[in-house]
């Protein structure tokens, strides 16, 4: 899956001045991977009796294979 993120030239310059030239894509990928990991761990804690800290990524994905993932609204409302 490809996701497009749009930032201005100036925003890119700001990020590159902080991260280094050519490092924005890598940084964004790390941000996405980290958010996915956190959400995956939360689903495992909420929906299984497993400890996500003891599982590899592939094991985590397998553990929630049959779990119906709640939407953000459902999680917020406690449904």
PDB file of N, CA and C in Angstrom:
ATOM      1  N   UNK A   1       0.847  -1.174   0.000  1.00  0.00           N
ATOM      2  CA  UNK A   1       0.000   0.000   0.000  1.00  0.00           C
ATOM      3  C   UNK A   1       0.892   1.236   0.000  1.00  0.00           C
ATOM      4  N   UNK A   2       0.546   2.193  -0.786  1.00  0.00           N
ATOM      5  CA  UNK A   2       1.262   3.464  -0.805  1.00  0.00           C
ATOM      6  C   UNK A   2       0.387   4.544  -0.209  1.00  0.00           C
ATOM      7  N   UNK A   3       0.979   5.372   0.614  1.00  0.00           N
ATOM      8  CA  UNK A   3       0.295   6.504   1.223  1.00  0.00           C
ATOM      9  C   UNK A   3       1.061   7.758   0.837  1.00  0.00           C
ATOM     10  N   UNK A   4       0.337   8.776   0.411  1.00  0.00           N
ATOM     11  CA  UNK A   4       0.975  10.027   0.027  1.00  0.00           C
ATOM     12  C   UNK A   4       0.779  11.056   1.129  1.00  0.00           C
ATOM     13  N   UNK A   5       1.866  11.681   1.518  1.00  0.00           N
ATOM     14  CA  UNK A   5       1.833  12.753   2.505  1.00  0.00           C
ATOM     15  C   UNK A   5       2.313  14.015   1.808  1.00  0.00           C
ATOM     16  N   UNK A   6       1.545  15.070   1.911  1.00  0.00           N
ATOM     17  CA  UNK A   6       1.898  16.312   1.240  1.00  0.00           C
ATOM     18  C   UNK A   6       2.381  17.342   2.256  1.00  0.00           C
ATOM     19  N   UNK A   7       3.583  17.832   2.028  1.00  0.00           N
ATOM     20  CA  UNK A   7       4.117  18.928   2.829  1.00  0.00           C
ATOM     21  C   UNK A   7       4.676  19.978   1.871  1.00  0.00           C
ATOM     22  N   UNK A   8       4.780  21.181   2.348  1.00  0.00           N
ATOM     23  CA  UNK A   8       5.313  22.242   1.502  1.00  0.00           C
ATOM     24  C   UNK A   8       6.828  22.112   1.397  1.00  0.00           C
ATOM     25  N   UNK A   9       7.378  22.798   0.439  1.00  0.00           N
ATOM     26  CA  UNK A   9       8.833  22.804   0.265  1.00  0.00           C
ATOM     27  C   UNK A   9       9.506  23.331   1.532  1.00  0.00           C
ATOM     28  N   UNK A  10       8.930  24.362   2.108  1.00  0.00           N
ATOM     29  CA  UNK A  10       9.503  24.946   3.329  1.00  0.00           C
ATOM     30  C   UNK A  10       9.424  23.965   4.496  1.00  0.00           C
ATOM     31  N   UNK A  11       8.307  23.245   4.606  1.00  0.00           N
ATOM     32  CA  UNK A  11       8.183  22.250   5.665  1.00  0.00           C
ATOM     33  C   UNK A  11       9.233  21.156   5.494  1.00  0.00           C
ATOM     34  N   UNK A  12       9.462  20.749   4.251  1.00  0.00           N
ATOM     35  CA  UNK A  12      10.494  19.752   3.986  1.00  0.00           C
ATOM     36  C   UNK A  12      11.868  20.290   4.381  1.00  0.00           C
ATOM     37  N   UNK A  13      12.143  21.548   4.055  1.00  0.00           N
ATOM     38  CA  UNK A  13      13.429  22.155   4.432  1.00  0.00           C
ATOM     39  C   UNK A  13      13.595  22.167   5.947  1.00  0.00           C
ATOM     40  N   UNK A  14      12.521  22.466   6.646  1.00  0.00           N
ATOM     41  CA  UNK A  14      12.562  22.487   8.112  1.00  0.00           C
ATOM     42  C   UNK A  14      12.887  21.090   8.646  1.00  0.00           C
ATOM     43  N   UNK A  15      12.193  20.082   8.114  1.00  0.00           N
ATOM     44  CA  UNK A  15      12.459  18.713   8.556  1.00  0.00           C
ATOM     45  C   UNK A  15      13.885  18.285   8.223  1.00  0.00           C
ATOM     46  N   UNK A  16      14.342  18.607   7.023  1.00  0.00           N
ATOM     47  CA  UNK A  16      15.706  18.226   6.643  1.00  0.00           C
ATOM     48  C   UNK A  16      16.750  18.949   7.482  1.00  0.00           C
ATOM     49  N   UNK A  17      16.463  20.182   7.900  1.00  0.00           N
ATOM     50  CA  UNK A  17      17.430  20.887   8.747  1.00  0.00           C
ATOM     51  C   UNK A  17      17.531  20.218  10.116  1.00  0.00           C
ATOM     52  N   UNK A  18      16.449  19.570  10.527  1.00  0.00           N
ATOM     53  CA  UNK A  18      16.430  18.881  11.817  1.00  0.00           C
ATOM     54  C   UNK A  18      16.934  17.442  11.705  1.00  0.00           C
ATOM     55  N   UNK A  19      16.450  16.722  10.679  1.00  0.00           N
ATOM     56  CA  UNK A  19      16.740  15.298  10.542  1.00  0.00           C
ATOM     57  C   UNK A  19      17.976  15.000   9.713  1.00  0.00           C
ATOM     58  N   UNK A  20      18.269  15.856   8.764  1.00  0.00           N
ATOM     59  CA  UNK A  20      19.351  15.632   7.819  1.00  0.00           C
ATOM     60  C   UNK A  20      18.782  15.477   6.411  1.00  0.00           C
ATOM     61  N   UNK A  21      19.560  15.849   5.428  1.00  0.00           N
ATOM     62  CA  UNK A  21      19.131  15.773   4.035  1.00  0.00           C
ATOM     63  C   UNK A  21      18.814  14.314   3.678  1.00  0.00           C
ATOM     64  N   UNK A  22      17.652  14.107   3.065  1.00  0.00           N
ATOM     65  CA  UNK A  22      17.257  12.771   2.626  1.00  0.00           C
ATOM     66  C   UNK A  22      16.757  11.854   3.726  1.00  0.00           C
ATOM     67  N   UNK A  23      16.517  12.366   4.908  1.00  0.00           N
ATOM     68  CA  UNK A  23      16.109  11.526   6.042  1.00  0.00           C
ATOM     69  C   UNK A  23      14.613  11.603   6.366  1.00  0.00           C
ATOM     70  N   UNK A  24      13.871  12.451   5.649  1.00  0.00           N
ATOM     71  CA  UNK A  24      12.459  12.658   5.973  1.00  0.00           C
ATOM     72  C   UNK A  24      11.655  11.375   5.765  1.00  0.00           C
ATOM     73  N   UNK A  25      11.835  10.707   4.632  1.00  0.00           N
ATOM     74  CA  UNK A  25      11.091   9.470   4.347  1.00  0.00           C
ATOM     75  C   UNK A  25      11.355   8.417   5.435  1.00  0.00           C
ATOM     76  N   UNK A  26      12.603   8.238   5.781  1.00  0.00           N
ATOM     77  CA  UNK A  26      12.983   7.266   6.816  1.00  0.00           C
ATOM     78  C   UNK A  26      12.325   7.605   8.153  1.00  0.00           C
ATOM     79  N   UNK A  27      12.313   8.891   8.498  1.00  0.00           N
ATOM     80  CA  UNK A  27      11.724   9.346   9.751  1.00  0.00           C
ATOM     81  C   UNK A  27      10.217   9.107   9.754  1.00  0.00           C
ATOM     82  N   UNK A  28       9.560   9.442   8.642  1.00  0.00           N
ATOM     83  CA  UNK A  28       8.119   9.226   8.551  1.00  0.00           C
ATOM     84  C   UNK A  28       7.780   7.742   8.643  1.00  0.00           C
ATOM     85  N   UNK A  29       8.574   6.895   7.986  1.00  0.00           N
ATOM     86  CA  UNK A  29       8.341   5.457   8.047  1.00  0.00           C
ATOM     87  C   UNK A  29       8.470   4.959   9.480  1.00  0.00           C
ATOM     88  N   UNK A  30       9.467   5.453  10.190  1.00  0.00           N
ATOM     89  CA  UNK A  30       9.646   5.071  11.593  1.00  0.00           C
ATOM     90  C   UNK A  30       8.430   5.504  12.425  1.00  0.00           C
ATOM     91  N   UNK A  31       7.918   6.701  12.182  1.00  0.00           N
ATOM     92  CA  UNK A  31       6.743   7.183  12.916  1.00  0.00           C
ATOM     93  C   UNK A  31       5.545   6.271  12.693  1.00  0.00           C
ATOM     94  N   UNK A  32       5.307   5.900  11.436  1.00  0.00           N
ATOM     95  CA  UNK A  32       4.187   5.026  11.101  1.00  0.00           C
ATOM     96  C   UNK A  32       4.385   3.642  11.736  1.00  0.00           C
ATOM     97  N   UNK A  33       5.589   3.084  11.595  1.00  0.00           N
ATOM     98  CA  UNK A  33       5.873   1.765  12.175  1.00  0.00           C
ATOM     99  C   UNK A  33       5.662   1.769  13.682  1.00  0.00           C
ATOM    100  N   UNK A  34       6.071   2.840  14.346  1.00  0.00           N
ATOM    101  CA  UNK A  34       5.934   2.933  15.799  1.00  0.00           C
ATOM    102  C   UNK A  34       4.462   3.024  16.202  1.00  0.00           C
ATOM    103  N   UNK A  35       3.677   3.801  15.463  1.00  0.00           N
ATOM    104  CA  UNK A  35       2.248   3.925  15.772  1.00  0.00           C
ATOM    105  C   UNK A  35       1.545   2.579  15.565  1.00  0.00           C
ATOM    106  N   UNK A  36       1.899   1.867  14.495  1.00  0.00           N
ATOM    107  CA  UNK A  36       1.322   0.548  14.244  1.00  0.00           C
ATOM    108  C   UNK A  36       1.691  -0.408  15.373  1.00  0.00           C
ATOM    109  N   UNK A  37       2.947  -0.399  15.799  1.00  0.00           N
ATOM    110  CA  UNK A  37       3.381  -1.275  16.882  1.00  0.00           C
ATOM    111  C   UNK A  37       2.597  -1.000  18.157  1.00  0.00           C
ATOM    112  N   UNK A  38       2.427   0.279  18.482  1.00  0.00           N
ATOM    113  CA  UNK A  38       1.689   0.637  19.699  1.00  0.00           C
ATOM    114  C   UNK A  38       0.234   0.177  19.629  1.00  0.00           C
ATOM    115  N   UNK A  39      -0.388   0.383  18.475  1.00  0.00           N
ATOM    116  CA  UNK A  39      -1.791  -0.013  18.328  1.00  0.00           C
ATOM    117  C   UNK A  39      -1.932  -1.529  18.330  1.00  0.00           C
ATOM    118  N   UNK A  40      -1.006  -2.206  17.684  1.00  0.00           N
ATOM    119  CA  UNK A  40      -1.001  -3.667  17.666  1.00  0.00           C
ATOM    120  C   UNK A  40      -0.869  -4.211  19.080  1.00  0.00           C
ATOM    121  N   UNK A  41       0.045  -3.654  19.858  1.00  0.00           N
ATOM    122  CA  UNK A  41       0.205  -4.077  21.255  1.00  0.00           C
ATOM    123  C   UNK A  41      -1.071  -3.836  22.053  1.00  0.00           C
ATOM    124  N   UNK A  42      -1.712  -2.685  21.828  1.00  0.00           N
ATOM    125  CA  UNK A  42      -2.948  -2.370  22.548  1.00  0.00           C
ATOM    126  C   UNK A  42      -4.054  -3.368  22.209  1.00  0.00           C
ATOM    127  N   UNK A  43      -4.171  -3.724  20.937  1.00  0.00           N
ATOM    128  CA  UNK A  43      -5.190  -4.695  20.531  1.00  0.00           C
ATOM    129  C   UNK A  43      -4.917  -6.048  21.189  1.00  0.00           C
ATOM    130  N   UNK A  44      -3.679  -6.442  21.238  1.00  0.00           N
ATOM    131  CA  UNK A  44      -3.331  -7.724  21.872  1.00  0.00           C
ATOM    132  C   UNK A  44      -3.701  -7.704  23.348  1.00  0.00           C
ATOM    133  N   UNK A  45      -3.398  -6.613  24.017  1.00  0.00           N
ATOM    134  CA  UNK A  45      -3.741  -6.496  25.438  1.00  0.00           C
ATOM    135  C   UNK A  45      -5.256  -6.496  25.634  1.00  0.00           C
ATOM    136  N   UNK A  46      -5.971  -5.764  24.772  1.00  0.00           N
ATOM    137  CA  UNK A  46      -7.428  -5.644  24.902  1.00  0.00           C
ATOM    138  C   UNK A  46      -8.175  -6.923  24.512  1.00  0.00           C
ATOM    139  N   UNK A  47      -7.672  -7.643  23.517  1.00  0.00           N
ATOM    140  CA  UNK A  47      -8.449  -8.721  22.915  1.00  0.00           C
ATOM    141  C   UNK A  47      -7.928 -10.138  23.183  1.00  0.00           C
ATOM    142  N   UNK A  48      -6.733 -10.250  23.773  1.00  0.00           N
ATOM    143  CA  UNK A  48      -6.179 -11.582  24.028  1.00  0.00           C
ATOM    144  C   UNK A  48      -5.629 -11.636  25.451  1.00  0.00           C
ATOM    145  N   UNK A  49      -5.140 -12.788  25.832  1.00  0.00           N
ATOM    146  CA  UNK A  49      -4.486 -12.931  27.134  1.00  0.00           C
ATOM    147  C   UNK A  49      -2.966 -13.031  26.962  1.00  0.00           C
ATOM    148  N   UNK A  50      -2.462 -12.561  25.825  1.00  0.00           N
ATOM    149  CA  UNK A  50      -1.035 -12.636  25.527  1.00  0.00           C
ATOM    150  C   UNK A  50      -0.305 -11.375  25.965  1.00  0.00           C
ATOM    151  N   UNK A  51       0.997 -11.504  26.152  1.00  0.00           N
ATOM    152  CA  UNK A  51       1.851 -10.371  26.489  1.00  0.00           C
ATOM    153  C   UNK A  51       2.576  -9.929  25.210  1.00  0.00           C
ATOM    154  N   UNK A  52       2.250  -8.759  24.671  1.00  0.00           N
ATOM    155  CA  UNK A  52       2.859  -8.334  23.412  1.00  0.00           C
ATOM    156  C   UNK A  52       4.373  -8.153  23.489  1.00  0.00           C
ATOM    157  N   UNK A  53       4.881  -7.922  24.671  1.00  0.00           N
ATOM    158  CA  UNK A  53       6.333  -7.736  24.821  1.00  0.00           C
ATOM    159  C   UNK A  53       7.112  -9.026  24.563  1.00  0.00           C
ATOM    160  N   UNK A  54       6.421 -10.153  24.632  1.00  0.00           N
ATOM    161  CA  UNK A  54       7.081 -11.438  24.437  1.00  0.00           C
ATOM    162  C   UNK A  54       6.859 -12.002  23.037  1.00  0.00           C
ATOM    163  N   UNK A  55       6.230 -11.222  22.150  1.00  0.00           N
ATOM    164  CA  UNK A  55       5.909 -11.706  20.814  1.00  0.00           C
ATOM    165  C   UNK A  55       6.657 -10.925  19.740  1.00  0.00           C
ATOM    166  N   UNK A  56       7.055 -11.623  18.697  1.00  0.00           N
ATOM    167  CA  UNK A  56       7.625 -10.973  17.524  1.00  0.00           C
ATOM    168  C   UNK A  56       6.476 -10.370  16.712  1.00  0.00           C
ATOM    169  N   UNK A  57       6.794  -9.464  15.809  1.00  0.00           N
ATOM    170  CA  UNK A  57       5.762  -8.783  15.020  1.00  0.00           C
ATOM    171  C   UNK A  57       4.862  -9.781  14.290  1.00  0.00           C
ATOM    172  N   UNK A  58       5.449 -10.783  13.659  1.00  0.00           N
ATOM    173  CA  UNK A  58       4.656 -11.780  12.931  1.00  0.00           C
ATOM    174  C   UNK A  58       3.722 -12.537  13.875  1.00  0.00           C
ATOM    175  N   UNK A  59       4.185 -12.819  15.074  1.00  0.00           N
ATOM    176  CA  UNK A  59       3.352 -13.511  16.064  1.00  0.00           C
ATOM    177  C   UNK A  59       2.203 -12.625  16.522  1.00  0.00           C
ATOM    178  N   UNK A  60       2.467 -11.340  16.653  1.00  0.00           N
ATOM    179  CA  UNK A  60       1.419 -10.392  17.049  1.00  0.00           C
ATOM    180  C   UNK A  60       0.321 -10.340  15.995  1.00  0.00           C
ATOM    181  N   UNK A  61       0.729 -10.250  14.746  1.00  0.00           N
ATOM    182  CA  UNK A  61      -0.250 -10.182  13.657  1.00  0.00           C
ATOM    183  C   UNK A  61      -1.062 -11.471  13.598  1.00  0.00           C
ATOM    184  N   UNK A  62      -0.409 -12.591  13.778  1.00  0.00           N
ATOM    185  CA  UNK A  62      -1.110 -13.878  13.796  1.00  0.00           C
ATOM    186  C   UNK A  62      -2.082 -13.954  14.976  1.00  0.00           C
ATOM    187  N   UNK A  63      -1.693 -13.402  16.119  1.00  0.00           N
ATOM    188  CA  UNK A  63      -2.518 -13.465  17.327  1.00  0.00           C
ATOM    189  C   UNK A  63      -3.837 -12.716  17.169  1.00  0.00           C
ATOM    190  N   UNK A  64      -3.858 -11.695  16.322  1.00  0.00           N
ATOM    191  CA  UNK A  64      -5.094 -10.927  16.156  1.00  0.00           C
ATOM    192  C   UNK A  64      -5.761 -11.193  14.804  1.00  0.00           C
ATOM    193  N   UNK A  65      -5.341 -12.246  14.153  1.00  0.00           N
ATOM    194  CA  UNK A  65      -5.865 -12.577  12.825  1.00  0.00           C
ATOM    195  C   UNK A  65      -7.395 -12.637  12.798  1.00  0.00           C
ATOM    196  N   UNK A  66      -7.995 -13.210  13.810  1.00  0.00           N
ATOM    197  CA  UNK A  66      -9.454 -13.373  13.822  1.00  0.00           C
ATOM    198  C   UNK A  66     -10.164 -12.297  14.653  1.00  0.00           C
ATOM    199  N   UNK A  67      -9.434 -11.310  15.132  1.00  0.00           N
ATOM    200  CA  UNK A  67     -10.029 -10.256  15.958  1.00  0.00           C
ATOM    201  C   UNK A  67     -10.693  -9.210  15.063  1.00  0.00           C
ATOM    202  N   UNK A  68     -11.931  -8.863  15.375  1.00  0.00           N
ATOM    203  CA  UNK A  68     -12.607  -7.768  14.683  1.00  0.00           C
ATOM    204  C   UNK A  68     -12.100  -6.465  15.306  1.00  0.00           C
ATOM    205  N   UNK A  69     -11.363  -5.690  14.530  1.00  0.00           N
ATOM    206  CA  UNK A  69     -10.766  -4.472  15.057  1.00  0.00           C
ATOM    207  C   UNK A  69     -11.820  -3.376  15.225  1.00  0.00           C
ATOM    208  N   UNK A  70     -11.957  -2.843  16.431  1.00  0.00           N
ATOM    209  CA  UNK A  70     -12.936  -1.784  16.650  1.00  0.00           C
ATOM    210  C   UNK A  70     -12.480  -0.488  15.976  1.00  0.00           C
ATOM    211  N   UNK A  71     -13.439   0.301  15.544  1.00  0.00           N
ATOM    212  CA  UNK A  71     -13.119   1.605  14.971  1.00  0.00           C
ATOM    213  C   UNK A  71     -12.730   2.566  16.086  1.00  0.00           C
ATOM    214  N   UNK A  72     -12.200   3.688  15.706  1.00  0.00           N
ATOM    215  CA  UNK A  72     -11.830   4.705  16.699  1.00  0.00           C
ATOM    216  C   UNK A  72     -13.061   5.135  17.492  1.00  0.00           C
ATOM    217  N   UNK A  73     -14.199   5.348  16.801  1.00  0.00           N
ATOM    218  CA  UNK A  73     -15.433   5.756  17.485  1.00  0.00           C
ATOM    219  C   UNK A  73     -15.882   4.697  18.486  1.00  0.00           C
ATOM    220  N   UNK A  74     -15.785   3.443  18.111  1.00  0.00           N
ATOM    221  CA  UNK A  74     -16.182   2.369  19.023  1.00  0.00           C
ATOM    222  C   UNK A  74     -15.277   2.339  20.258  1.00  0.00           C
ATOM    223  N   UNK A  75     -13.968   2.521  20.044  1.00  0.00           N
ATOM    224  CA  UNK A  75     -13.046   2.534  21.192  1.00  0.00           C
ATOM    225  C   UNK A  75     -13.328   3.717  22.103  1.00  0.00           C
ATOM    226  N   UNK A  76     -13.626   4.870  21.519  1.00  0.00           N
ATOM    227  CA  UNK A  76     -13.882   6.078  22.298  1.00  0.00           C
ATOM    228  C   UNK A  76     -15.180   5.950  23.107  1.00  0.00           C
ATOM    229  N   UNK A  77     -16.185   5.362  22.484  1.00  0.00           N
ATOM    230  CA  UNK A  77     -17.485   5.201  23.149  1.00  0.00           C
ATOM    231  C   UNK A  77     -17.527   4.003  24.070  1.00  0.00           C
ATOM    232  N   UNK A  78     -16.494   3.147  24.015  1.00  0.00           N
ATOM    233  CA  UNK A  78     -16.464   1.973  24.863  1.00  0.00           C
ATOM    234  C   UNK A  78     -17.418   0.887  24.424  1.00  0.00           C
ATOM    235  N   UNK A  79     -17.718   0.859  23.126  1.00  0.00           N
ATOM    236  CA  UNK A  79     -18.647  -0.140  22.586  1.00  0.00           C
ATOM    237  C   UNK A  79     -17.940  -1.459  22.412  1.00  0.00           C
TER     238      UNK A  79
END
